C-alpha atoms as a PDB file:
ATOM      1  CA  MET A   1      85.495  96.415 147.865  1.00  0.00           C
ATOM      2  CA  VAL A   2      88.164  93.970 148.199  1.00  0.00           C
ATOM      3  CA  ARG A   3      88.517  91.644 145.023  1.00  0.00           C
ATOM      4  CA  PRO A   4      89.296  88.022 145.521  1.00  0.00           C
ATOM      5  CA  TYR A   5      92.793  86.635 145.041  1.00  0.00           C
ATOM      6  CA  LEU A   6      93.275  85.266 141.359  1.00  0.00           C
ATOM      7  CA  PRO A   7      95.285  82.018 141.370  1.00  0.00           C
ATOM      8  CA  LEU A   8      97.339  82.684 138.135  1.00  0.00           C
ATOM      9  CA  ASN A   9      99.712  79.885 138.813  1.00  0.00           C
ATOM     10  CA  ALA A  10      96.750  77.483 139.376  1.00  0.00           C
ATOM     11  CA  LEU A  11      94.897  78.686 136.515  1.00  0.00           C
ATOM     12  CA  ARG A  12      97.864  78.423 134.275  1.00  0.00           C
ATOM     13  CA  ALA A  13      98.377  74.826 135.524  1.00  0.00           C
ATOM     14  CA  PHE A  14      95.112  73.874 134.682  1.00  0.00           C
ATOM     15  CA  GLU A  15      95.341  75.401 131.054  1.00  0.00           C
ATOM     16  CA  ALA A  16      98.618  73.425 130.378  1.00  0.00           C
ATOM     17  CA  SER A  17      97.240  70.146 132.166  1.00  0.00           C
ATOM     18  CA  ALA A  18      93.806  70.654 129.713  1.00  0.00           C
ATOM     19  CA  ARG A  19      96.212  71.108 126.647  1.00  0.00           C
ATOM     20  CA  HIS A  20      98.821  68.059 127.454  1.00  0.00           C
ATOM     21  CA  LEU A  21      95.706  66.339 129.241  1.00  0.00           C
ATOM     22  CA  SER A  22      98.687  65.047 131.215  1.00  0.00           C
ATOM     23  CA  PHE A  23     100.012  66.721 134.806  1.00  0.00           C
ATOM     24  CA  THR A  24     103.680  65.318 133.731  1.00  0.00           C
ATOM     25  CA  ARG A  25     103.596  67.024 130.664  1.00  0.00           C
ATOM     26  CA  ALA A  26     102.327  69.758 131.586  1.00  0.00           C
ATOM     27  CA  ALA A  27     104.801  70.041 134.629  1.00  0.00           C
ATOM     28  CA  ILE A  28     107.640  69.854 132.015  1.00  0.00           C
ATOM     29  CA  GLU A  29     106.145  72.945 130.171  1.00  0.00           C
ATOM     30  CA  LEU A  30     106.007  74.682 133.249  1.00  0.00           C
ATOM     31  CA  ARG A  31     109.238  73.609 134.617  1.00  0.00           C
ATOM     32  CA  VAL A  32     107.951  72.854 137.877  1.00  0.00           C
ATOM     33  CA  THR A  33     107.227  69.181 139.404  1.00  0.00           C
ATOM     34  CA  GLN A  34     104.298  67.100 138.629  1.00  0.00           C
ATOM     35  CA  ALA A  35     103.089  67.132 142.018  1.00  0.00           C
ATOM     36  CA  ALA A  36     103.158  70.678 142.048  1.00  0.00           C
ATOM     37  CA  VAL A  37     100.736  70.739 139.130  1.00  0.00           C
ATOM     38  CA  SER A  38      98.626  68.387 140.695  1.00  0.00           C
ATOM     39  CA  HIS A  39      98.380  70.526 143.629  1.00  0.00           C
ATOM     40  CA  GLN A  40      97.752  73.549 141.789  1.00  0.00           C
ATOM     41  CA  VAL A  41      94.828  71.901 139.796  1.00  0.00           C
ATOM     42  CA  LYS A  42      93.417  70.220 143.078  1.00  0.00           C
ATOM     43  CA  ALA A  43      93.281  74.040 144.854  1.00  0.00           C
ATOM     44  CA  LEU A  44      91.729  75.238 141.713  1.00  0.00           C
ATOM     45  CA  GLU A  45      88.950  72.643 141.907  1.00  0.00           C
ATOM     46  CA  GLN A  46      88.337  73.073 145.986  1.00  0.00           C
ATOM     47  CA  ARG A  47      88.035  76.710 145.042  1.00  0.00           C
ATOM     48  CA  LEU A  48      85.525  76.593 142.344  1.00  0.00           C
ATOM     49  CA  GLY A  49      83.683  73.590 144.116  1.00  0.00           C
ATOM     50  CA  THR A  50      83.721  71.278 141.143  1.00  0.00           C
ATOM     51  CA  VAL A  51      86.091  68.605 139.461  1.00  0.00           C
ATOM     52  CA  LEU A  52      88.049  69.587 136.341  1.00  0.00           C
ATOM     53  CA  PHE A  53      89.480  66.614 135.466  1.00  0.00           C
ATOM     54  CA  LYS A  54      88.814  62.761 135.885  1.00  0.00           C
ATOM     55  CA  ARG A  55      92.271  61.285 136.852  1.00  0.00           C
ATOM     56  CA  LEU A  56      92.729  57.954 134.735  1.00  0.00           C
ATOM     57  CA  PRO A  57      95.629  55.724 134.998  1.00  0.00           C
ATOM     58  CA  ARG A  58      97.450  57.027 131.947  1.00  0.00           C
ATOM     59  CA  GLY A  59      96.662  60.700 131.887  1.00  0.00           C
ATOM     60  CA  LEU A  60      93.527  63.004 132.158  1.00  0.00           C
ATOM     61  CA  MET A  61      90.160  63.481 130.918  1.00  0.00           C
ATOM     62  CA  ILE A  62      88.365  66.800 131.182  1.00  0.00           C
ATOM     63  CA  THR A  63      85.212  66.875 132.600  1.00  0.00           C
ATOM     64  CA  ALA A  64      82.218  68.977 131.429  1.00  0.00           C
ATOM     65  CA  GLU A  65      82.863  71.878 133.845  1.00  0.00           C
ATOM     66  CA  GLY A  66      86.452  72.055 132.797  1.00  0.00           C
ATOM     67  CA  GLU A  67      85.291  72.322 129.007  1.00  0.00           C
ATOM     68  CA  ALA A  68      83.258  75.257 130.037  1.00  0.00           C
ATOM     69  CA  VAL A  69      85.693  77.327 131.655  1.00  0.00           C
ATOM     70  CA  LEU A  70      88.728  76.497 129.426  1.00  0.00           C
ATOM     71  CA  PRO A  71      88.049  78.830 126.640  1.00  0.00           C
ATOM     72  CA  GLU A  72      87.710  81.868 128.736  1.00  0.00           C
ATOM     73  CA  ILE A  73      90.905  80.924 130.809  1.00  0.00           C
ATOM     74  CA  ARG A  74      92.877  80.664 127.575  1.00  0.00           C
ATOM     75  CA  ASP A  75      91.408  83.760 126.025  1.00  0.00           C
ATOM     76  CA  ALA A  76      92.262  85.383 129.205  1.00  0.00           C
ATOM     77  CA  PHE A  77      96.019  84.395 128.704  1.00  0.00           C
ATOM     78  CA  ASP A  78      96.125  85.095 125.246  1.00  0.00           C
ATOM     79  CA  ARG A  79      95.548  88.782 125.874  1.00  0.00           C
ATOM     80  CA  MET A  80      97.717  89.007 128.549  1.00  0.00           C
ATOM     81  CA  ALA A  81     100.489  87.897 126.468  1.00  0.00           C
ATOM     82  CA  GLY A  82      99.517  90.212 123.859  1.00  0.00           C
ATOM     83  CA  ALA A  83      99.214  93.155 126.229  1.00  0.00           C
ATOM     84  CA  LEU A  84     103.050  92.254 127.462  1.00  0.00           C
ATOM     85  CA  GLY A  85     104.353  91.628 124.173  1.00  0.00           C
ATOM     86  CA  ARG A  86     103.781  95.175 122.883  1.00  0.00           C
ATOM     87  CA  PHE A  87     106.550  95.975 125.038  1.00  0.00           C
ATOM     88  CA  ASP A  88     109.881  95.583 123.931  1.00  0.00           C
ATOM     89  CA  GLY A  89     113.045  97.062 125.462  1.00  0.00           C
ATOM     90  CA  GLY A  90     110.972  99.564 127.397  1.00  0.00           C
ATOM     91  CA  HIS A  91     109.085 100.758 124.412  1.00  0.00           C
ATOM     92  CA  ARG A  92     105.053  99.893 124.183  1.00  0.00           C
ATOM     93  CA  SER A  93     104.596  98.745 120.361  1.00  0.00           C
ATOM     94  CA  GLU A  94     101.199 100.045 118.747  1.00  0.00           C
ATOM     95  CA  VAL A  95      99.316  97.900 116.279  1.00  0.00           C
ATOM     96  CA  LEU A  96      98.449  99.398 112.741  1.00  0.00           C
ATOM     97  CA  MET A  97      96.069  97.835 110.812  1.00  0.00           C
ATOM     98  CA  LEU A  98      96.477  98.717 107.009  1.00  0.00           C
ATOM     99  CA  GLY A  99      94.335  97.549 103.972  1.00  0.00           C
ATOM    100  CA  ALA A 100      95.618  98.072 100.578  1.00  0.00           C
ATOM    101  CA  VAL A 101      94.750  97.424  96.930  1.00  0.00           C
ATOM    102  CA  GLY A 102      96.555  94.219  96.093  1.00  0.00           C
ATOM    103  CA  THR A 103      98.147  95.812  93.032  1.00  0.00           C
ATOM    104  CA  ILE A 104     100.081  98.631  94.891  1.00  0.00           C
ATOM    105  CA  ALA A 105     100.365  96.370  98.092  1.00  0.00           C
ATOM    106  CA  VAL A 106     102.687  93.971  95.744  1.00  0.00           C
ATOM    107  CA  GLY A 107     103.805  96.124  93.112  1.00  0.00           C
ATOM    108  CA  TRP A 108     105.020  99.423  95.113  1.00  0.00           C
ATOM    109  CA  LEU A 109     104.349  99.091  98.985  1.00  0.00           C
ATOM    110  CA  LEU A 110     105.816  95.686 100.008  1.00  0.00           C
ATOM    111  CA  PRO A 111     109.634  96.668  98.684  1.00  0.00           C
ATOM    112  CA  ARG A 112     109.428  99.688 100.888  1.00  0.00           C
ATOM    113  CA  LEU A 113     108.112  98.089 103.787  1.00  0.00           C
ATOM    114  CA  GLY A 114     111.506  97.399 105.433  1.00  0.00           C
ATOM    115  CA  GLY A 115     112.306 101.124 105.484  1.00  0.00           C
ATOM    116  CA  PHE A 116     109.169 101.670 107.706  1.00  0.00           C
ATOM    117  CA  ARG A 117     110.102  98.770 109.983  1.00  0.00           C
ATOM    118  CA  ALA A 118     113.762 100.129 110.433  1.00  0.00           C
ATOM    119  CA  GLN A 119     112.432 103.779 111.405  1.00  0.00           C
ATOM    120  CA  HIS A 120     109.609 102.579 113.331  1.00  0.00           C
ATOM    121  CA  PRO A 121     110.366  99.305 114.808  1.00  0.00           C
ATOM    122  CA  HIS A 122     107.750  99.483 117.680  1.00  0.00           C
ATOM    123  CA  VAL A 123     104.825  99.622 115.179  1.00  0.00           C
ATOM    124  CA  ASP A 124     103.178  96.375 114.483  1.00  0.00           C
ATOM    125  CA  LEU A 125     102.081  96.866 111.204  1.00  0.00           C
ATOM    126  CA  ARG A 126      99.290  94.272 109.733  1.00  0.00           C
ATOM    127  CA  LEU A 127      98.626  94.443 106.133  1.00  0.00           C
ATOM    128  CA  SER A 128      95.536  92.818 104.328  1.00  0.00           C
ATOM    129  CA  THR A 129      94.845  93.180 100.450  1.00  0.00           C
ATOM    130  CA  ASN A 130      91.513  93.599  98.649  1.00  0.00           C
ATOM    131  CA  ASN A 131      90.221  94.268  95.391  1.00  0.00           C
ATOM    132  CA  ASN A 132      89.327  97.770  96.205  1.00  0.00           C
ATOM    133  CA  ARG A 133      85.867  97.160  97.688  1.00  0.00           C
ATOM    134  CA  VAL A 134      86.689  97.465 101.714  1.00  0.00           C
ATOM    135  CA  ASP A 135      84.869  98.618 104.870  1.00  0.00           C
ATOM    136  CA  LEU A 136      87.018 100.372 107.109  1.00  0.00           C
ATOM    137  CA  ALA A 137      84.576 100.256 110.104  1.00  0.00           C
ATOM    138  CA  ALA A 138      83.728  96.590 109.728  1.00  0.00           C
ATOM    139  CA  GLU A 139      87.234  95.419 108.968  1.00  0.00           C
ATOM    140  CA  GLY A 140      88.711  97.352 111.694  1.00  0.00           C
ATOM    141  CA  LEU A 141      91.146  99.180 109.606  1.00  0.00           C
ATOM    142  CA  ASP A 142      92.947 102.313 110.567  1.00  0.00           C
ATOM    143  CA  TYR A 143      93.948 103.339 106.925  1.00  0.00           C
ATOM    144  CA  ALA A 144      93.013 101.648 103.367  1.00  0.00           C
ATOM    145  CA  ILE A 145      95.216 102.483 100.311  1.00  0.00           C
ATOM    146  CA  ARG A 146      92.587 102.984  97.662  1.00  0.00           C
ATOM    147  CA  PHE A 147      92.323 103.265  93.934  1.00  0.00           C
ATOM    148  CA  GLY A 148      89.449 105.878  92.416  1.00  0.00           C
ATOM    149  CA  ASN A 149      88.695 109.519  92.414  1.00  0.00           C
ATOM    150  CA  GLY A 150      88.807 110.057  96.451  1.00  0.00           C
ATOM    151  CA  ALA A 151      84.954 110.512  96.718  1.00  0.00           C
ATOM    152  CA  TRP A 152      84.325 108.036  99.615  1.00  0.00           C
ATOM    153  CA  GLN A 153      81.573 108.599 101.973  1.00  0.00           C
ATOM    154  CA  GLY A 154      82.713 109.387 105.343  1.00  0.00           C
ATOM    155  CA  THR A 155      86.561 109.159 104.930  1.00  0.00           C
ATOM    156  CA  ASP A 156      89.273 111.605 104.915  1.00  0.00           C
ATOM    157  CA  ALA A 157      91.314 110.690 101.728  1.00  0.00           C
ATOM    158  CA  THR A 158      94.867 111.865 100.993  1.00  0.00           C
ATOM    159  CA  PRO A 159      96.020 111.514  97.350  1.00  0.00           C
ATOM    160  CA  LEU A 160      99.174 109.618  96.655  1.00  0.00           C
ATOM    161  CA  PHE A 161      99.760 109.264  92.969  1.00  0.00           C
ATOM    162  CA  GLU A 162      98.286 108.872  89.614  1.00  0.00           C
ATOM    163  CA  ALA A 163      98.693 105.273  88.146  1.00  0.00           C
ATOM    164  CA  PRO A 164      97.866 105.473  84.207  1.00  0.00           C
ATOM    165  CA  LEU A 165      96.807 102.063  82.696  1.00  0.00           C
ATOM    166  CA  SER A 166      98.456 100.950  79.439  1.00  0.00           C
ATOM    167  CA  VAL A 167      98.271  97.603  77.639  1.00  0.00           C
ATOM    168  CA  LEU A 168     100.535  94.950  79.551  1.00  0.00           C
ATOM    169  CA  CYS A 169     101.065  91.328  78.019  1.00  0.00           C
ATOM    170  CA  GLN A 170     103.561  88.551  77.391  1.00  0.00           C
ATOM    171  CA  PRO A 171     106.589  89.320  75.065  1.00  0.00           C
ATOM    172  CA  SER A 172     105.644  86.921  72.358  1.00  0.00           C
ATOM    173  CA  ILE A 173     102.044  88.499  72.174  1.00  0.00           C
ATOM    174  CA  GLY A 174     103.372  91.949  72.313  1.00  0.00           C
ATOM    175  CA  ALA A 175     105.715  91.309  69.159  1.00  0.00           C
ATOM    176  CA  THR A 176     102.609  90.780  67.053  1.00  0.00           C
ATOM    177  CA  LEU A 177     101.101  94.030  68.259  1.00  0.00           C
ATOM    178  CA  HIS A 178     102.051  96.843  65.799  1.00  0.00           C
ATOM    179  CA  ARG A 179      99.270  99.425  65.655  1.00  0.00           C
ATOM    180  CA  PRO A 180      96.570 100.029  68.377  1.00  0.00           C
ATOM    181  CA  GLU A 181      94.065  98.525  66.338  1.00  0.00           C
ATOM    182  CA  ASP A 182      95.938  95.156  66.629  1.00  0.00           C
ATOM    183  CA  VAL A 183      94.581  94.728  70.106  1.00  0.00           C
ATOM    184  CA  LEU A 184      91.121  94.119  68.762  1.00  0.00           C
ATOM    185  CA  ARG A 185      92.133  90.889  67.469  1.00  0.00           C
ATOM    186  CA  GLN A 186      93.352  89.612  70.749  1.00  0.00           C
ATOM    187  CA  THR A 187      91.363  88.855  74.119  1.00  0.00           C
ATOM    188  CA  LEU A 188      90.997  91.458  76.116  1.00  0.00           C
ATOM    189  CA  LEU A 189      91.131  90.952  79.864  1.00  0.00           C
ATOM    190  CA  ARG A 190      89.458  93.837  81.740  1.00  0.00           C
ATOM    191  CA  SER A 191      88.528  94.747  85.695  1.00  0.00           C
ATOM    192  CA  TYR A 192      85.239  95.403  86.865  1.00  0.00           C
ATOM    193  CA  ARG A 193      85.521  99.227  85.425  1.00  0.00           C
ATOM    194  CA  ALA A 194      84.217  98.433  82.009  1.00  0.00           C
ATOM    195  CA  GLU A 195      84.973 101.742  80.446  1.00  0.00           C
ATOM    196  CA  GLU A 196      88.989 101.205  80.741  1.00  0.00           C
ATOM    197  CA  TRP A 197      89.274  99.603  77.464  1.00  0.00           C
ATOM    198  CA  ALA A 198      87.042 102.057  75.826  1.00  0.00           C
ATOM    199  CA  ASN A 199      89.089 105.166  77.292  1.00  0.00           C
ATOM    200  CA  TRP A 200      92.351 103.532  76.173  1.00  0.00           C
ATOM    201  CA  LEU A 201      91.243 102.875  72.895  1.00  0.00           C
ATOM    202  CA  ALA A 202      89.940 106.604  72.617  1.00  0.00           C
ATOM    203  CA  ALA A 203      93.048 107.488  73.815  1.00  0.00           C
ATOM    204  CA  ALA A 204      94.833 105.324  70.952  1.00  0.00           C
ATOM    205  CA  GLY A 205      92.641 107.191  68.248  1.00  0.00           C
ATOM    206  CA  VAL A 206      90.770 103.624  67.606  1.00  0.00           C
ATOM    207  CA  ALA A 207      87.107 104.338  66.762  1.00  0.00           C
ATOM    208  CA  GLY A 208      84.084 101.984  67.333  1.00  0.00           C
ATOM    209  CA  PRO A 209      82.785 100.021  70.332  1.00  0.00           C
ATOM    210  CA  VAL A 210      84.875  97.641  72.606  1.00  0.00           C
ATOM    211  CA  PRO A 211      84.208  94.078  71.765  1.00  0.00           C
ATOM    212  CA  VAL A 212      82.131  92.148  74.223  1.00  0.00           C
ATOM    213  CA  VAL A 213      82.707  88.571  72.870  1.00  0.00           C
ATOM    214  CA  GLY A 214      86.500  87.596  73.498  1.00  0.00           C
ATOM    215  CA  THR A 215      86.945  89.541  76.878  1.00  0.00           C
ATOM    216  CA  LEU A 216      87.647  87.946  80.149  1.00  0.00           C
ATOM    217  CA  THR A 217      86.599  90.074  83.452  1.00  0.00           C
ATOM    218  CA  PHE A 218      88.520  89.961  86.820  1.00  0.00           C
ATOM    219  CA  ASP A 219      87.638  91.326  90.220  1.00  0.00           C
ATOM    220  CA  SER A 220      91.826  91.747  91.049  1.00  0.00           C
ATOM    221  CA  SER A 221      94.250  93.452  88.699  1.00  0.00           C
ATOM    222  CA  LEU A 222      96.923  90.611  90.129  1.00  0.00           C
ATOM    223  CA  ALA A 223      94.697  87.606  89.292  1.00  0.00           C
ATOM    224  CA  MET A 224      94.331  89.648  85.727  1.00  0.00           C
ATOM    225  CA  MET A 225      98.055  90.330  85.249  1.00  0.00           C
ATOM    226  CA  GLU A 226      98.650  86.537  86.294  1.00  0.00           C
ATOM    227  CA  ALA A 227      96.469  85.553  83.432  1.00  0.00           C
ATOM    228  CA  ALA A 228      98.378  88.044  80.856  1.00  0.00           C
ATOM    229  CA  LEU A 229     101.656  86.273  82.341  1.00  0.00           C
ATOM    230  CA  GLN A 230     100.307  83.000  81.252  1.00  0.00           C
ATOM    231  CA  GLY A 231      99.256  84.484  77.737  1.00  0.00           C
ATOM    232  CA  ALA A 232      95.687  84.419  78.247  1.00  0.00           C
ATOM    233  CA  GLY A 233      95.341  88.066  76.602  1.00  0.00           C
ATOM    234  CA  LEU A 234      95.978  91.633  77.020  1.00  0.00           C
ATOM    235  CA  ALA A 235      95.753  93.361  80.398  1.00  0.00           C
ATOM    236  CA  LEU A 236      94.795  96.936  81.044  1.00  0.00           C
ATOM    237  CA  CYS A 237      96.956  97.774  84.197  1.00  0.00           C
ATOM    238  CA  PRO A 238      99.463 100.588  85.499  1.00  0.00           C
ATOM    239  CA  PRO A 239     102.924  99.687  84.320  1.00  0.00           C
ATOM    240  CA  LYS A 240     104.241 101.533  87.560  1.00  0.00           C
ATOM    241  CA  MET A 241     103.004  98.443  89.635  1.00  0.00           C
ATOM    242  CA  PHE A 242     104.576  96.003  87.485  1.00  0.00           C
ATOM    243  CA  ALA A 243     107.940  97.589  86.679  1.00  0.00           C
ATOM    244  CA  ARG A 244     109.781  94.725  88.050  1.00  0.00           C
ATOM    245  CA  GLN A 245     108.166  92.087  85.595  1.00  0.00           C
ATOM    246  CA  ILE A 246     108.630  94.376  82.406  1.00  0.00           C
ATOM    247  CA  ALA A 247     112.422  94.974  83.679  1.00  0.00           C
ATOM    248  CA  LEU A 248     112.685  91.182  83.912  1.00  0.00           C
ATOM    249  CA  GLY A 249     111.081  90.456  80.229  1.00  0.00           C
ATOM    250  CA  LEU A 250     108.141  88.680  81.539  1.00  0.00           C
ATOM    251  CA  LEU A 251     105.878  91.149  80.457  1.00  0.00           C
ATOM    252  CA  ALA A 252     105.717  93.686  77.533  1.00  0.00           C
ATOM    253  CA  GLN A 253     104.253  97.038  77.410  1.00  0.00           C
ATOM    254  CA  PRO A 254     103.785  97.457  73.642  1.00  0.00           C
ATOM    255  CA  PHE A 255     102.512 101.035  73.348  1.00  0.00           C
ATOM    256  CA  ASP A 256     103.400 104.120  75.251  1.00  0.00           C
ATOM    257  CA  ILE A 257      99.437 105.067  75.093  1.00  0.00           C
ATOM    258  CA  THR A 258      98.141 105.274  78.644  1.00  0.00           C
ATOM    259  CA  THR A 259      94.616 106.311  80.089  1.00  0.00           C
ATOM    260  CA  SER A 260      94.040 107.470  83.624  1.00  0.00           C
ATOM    261  CA  MET A 261      91.064 106.081  85.631  1.00  0.00           C
ATOM    262  CA  GLY A 262      92.291 107.632  89.009  1.00  0.00           C
ATOM    263  CA  SER A 263      94.482 107.704  91.835  1.00  0.00           C
ATOM    264  CA  TYR A 264      95.855 105.860  94.709  1.00  0.00           C
ATOM    265  CA  TRP A 265      94.544 107.739  98.029  1.00  0.00           C
ATOM    266  CA  LEU A 266      95.321 106.867 101.380  1.00  0.00           C
ATOM    267  CA  THR A 267      91.985 106.695 103.350  1.00  0.00           C
ATOM    268  CA  ARG A 268      90.661 106.627 106.870  1.00  0.00           C
ATOM    269  CA  LEU A 269      87.475 107.102 108.494  1.00  0.00           C
ATOM    270  CA  GLN A 270      86.491 110.852 109.461  1.00  0.00           C
ATOM    271  CA  SER A 271      85.419 109.527 112.853  1.00  0.00           C
ATOM    272  CA  ARG A 272      88.918 108.047 113.692  1.00  0.00           C
ATOM    273  CA  GLU A 273      91.303 109.815 115.570  1.00  0.00           C
ATOM    274  CA  GLU A 274      94.889 109.615 114.332  1.00  0.00           C
ATOM    275  CA  THR A 275      96.914 107.427 116.556  1.00  0.00           C
ATOM    276  CA  PRO A 276     100.713 108.120 116.866  1.00  0.00           C
ATOM    277  CA  ALA A 277     101.257 104.775 114.902  1.00  0.00           C
ATOM    278  CA  MET A 278      98.863 106.039 112.106  1.00  0.00           C
ATOM    279  CA  SER A 279     100.644 109.573 112.068  1.00  0.00           C
ATOM    280  CA  ALA A 280     104.087 107.541 111.825  1.00  0.00           C
ATOM    281  CA  PHE A 281     102.908 105.562 108.952  1.00  0.00           C
ATOM    282  CA  ARG A 282     101.574 108.588 107.178  1.00  0.00           C
ATOM    283  CA  ASN A 283     104.531 110.582 107.223  1.00  0.00           C
ATOM    284  CA  TRP A 284     106.584 108.001 106.057  1.00  0.00           C
ATOM    285  CA  LEU A 285     104.224 107.231 103.104  1.00  0.00           C
ATOM    286  CA  MET A 286     103.996 110.649 101.934  1.00  0.00           C
ATOM    287  CA  ALA A 287     107.835 111.079 102.389  1.00  0.00           C
ATOM    288  CA  GLU A 288     108.372 108.056 100.334  1.00  0.00           C
ATOM    289  CA  VAL A 289     106.094 109.011  97.817  1.00  0.00           C
ATOM    290  CA  THR A 290     107.548 112.659  97.214  1.00  0.00           C
ATOM    291  CA  SER A 291     110.946 111.197  97.126  1.00  0.00           C
ATOM    292  CA  GLU A 292     110.015 108.761  94.331  1.00  0.00           C
ATOM    293  CA  PHE A 293     108.401 111.323  92.078  1.00  0.00           C
ATOM    294  CA  SER A 294     111.072 114.218  92.782  1.00  0.00           C
ATOM    295  CA  GLN A 295     113.485 111.656  91.582  1.00  0.00           C
ATOM    296  CA  ALA A 296     111.453 110.520  88.664  1.00  0.00           C
ATOM    297  CA  GLY A 297     110.924 114.111  87.577  1.00  0.00           C
ATOM    298  CA  ALA A 298     114.930 114.814  87.931  1.00  0.00           C
ATOM    299  CA  GLU A 299     115.556 111.620  85.557  1.00  0.00           C
ATOM    300  CA  THR A 300     113.038 112.972  83.389  1.00  0.00           C
ATOM    301  CA  SER A 301     114.674 116.509  83.114  1.00  0.00           C
ATOM    302  CA  ALA A 302     118.150 115.077  82.484  1.00  0.00           C
ATOM    303  CA  ASN A 303     116.886 112.993  79.690  1.00  0.00           C
END
């Protein structure tokens, strides 16, 4: 079967004219004459057997028939542009969809992504953040970096590192905390994991139940930490993810006491075959983790 000739020039002339509602402005964009655009649109109308524009004294008005075909034509041009845009200097780029808990995305991953881009310039990495509740299939993610115990149904999980939690707060508040028991006199900021404060208090040797009154609950550690920065109370978060704010004196860690509630994991659907871009990212990420923790271990030994 011989497929009919596709009049790409005419379709482009129609799409540009519909966007500008002017043959003249479409011609300027396409770098052809106004007569050429008008001729291409007329030829397309004859081929389709319908009128796409009403010619007015001062411009164009698209018809219902034109409105009906315009979205499909625009979508086709966008998809063609996207396909061609994946080639750069003879190399085909590959999209990598990554989801990450906001805490590790901001506090650890983003400062390092420049290195990944330098090593793999043809991987188009697209990052979305979440509050640890993610649906890999529904969101079309290749990978998700999550916090927990690694047991997520239908996924392969590769451990990255633990991120123990400790008390973080405004320095002025931290100066008033001399013993672990003192935290009970402050507003406790907590995540949806209600047992975090109970575990930290137990690790600190503080007996008794965690007060329910005087607590604020957040679905995001980033939001909780913003509240702590503004002096709303004490946050229980991984200091490793907020090392920059601590170094700048914006946050204080009044106690060395920590509690571990899980680790960060790189996860993917078991049904998802690894692409070259996925393999490149996984290898780079694991090398970053190994490098950081081997360096941290060496510094600890030296001290």
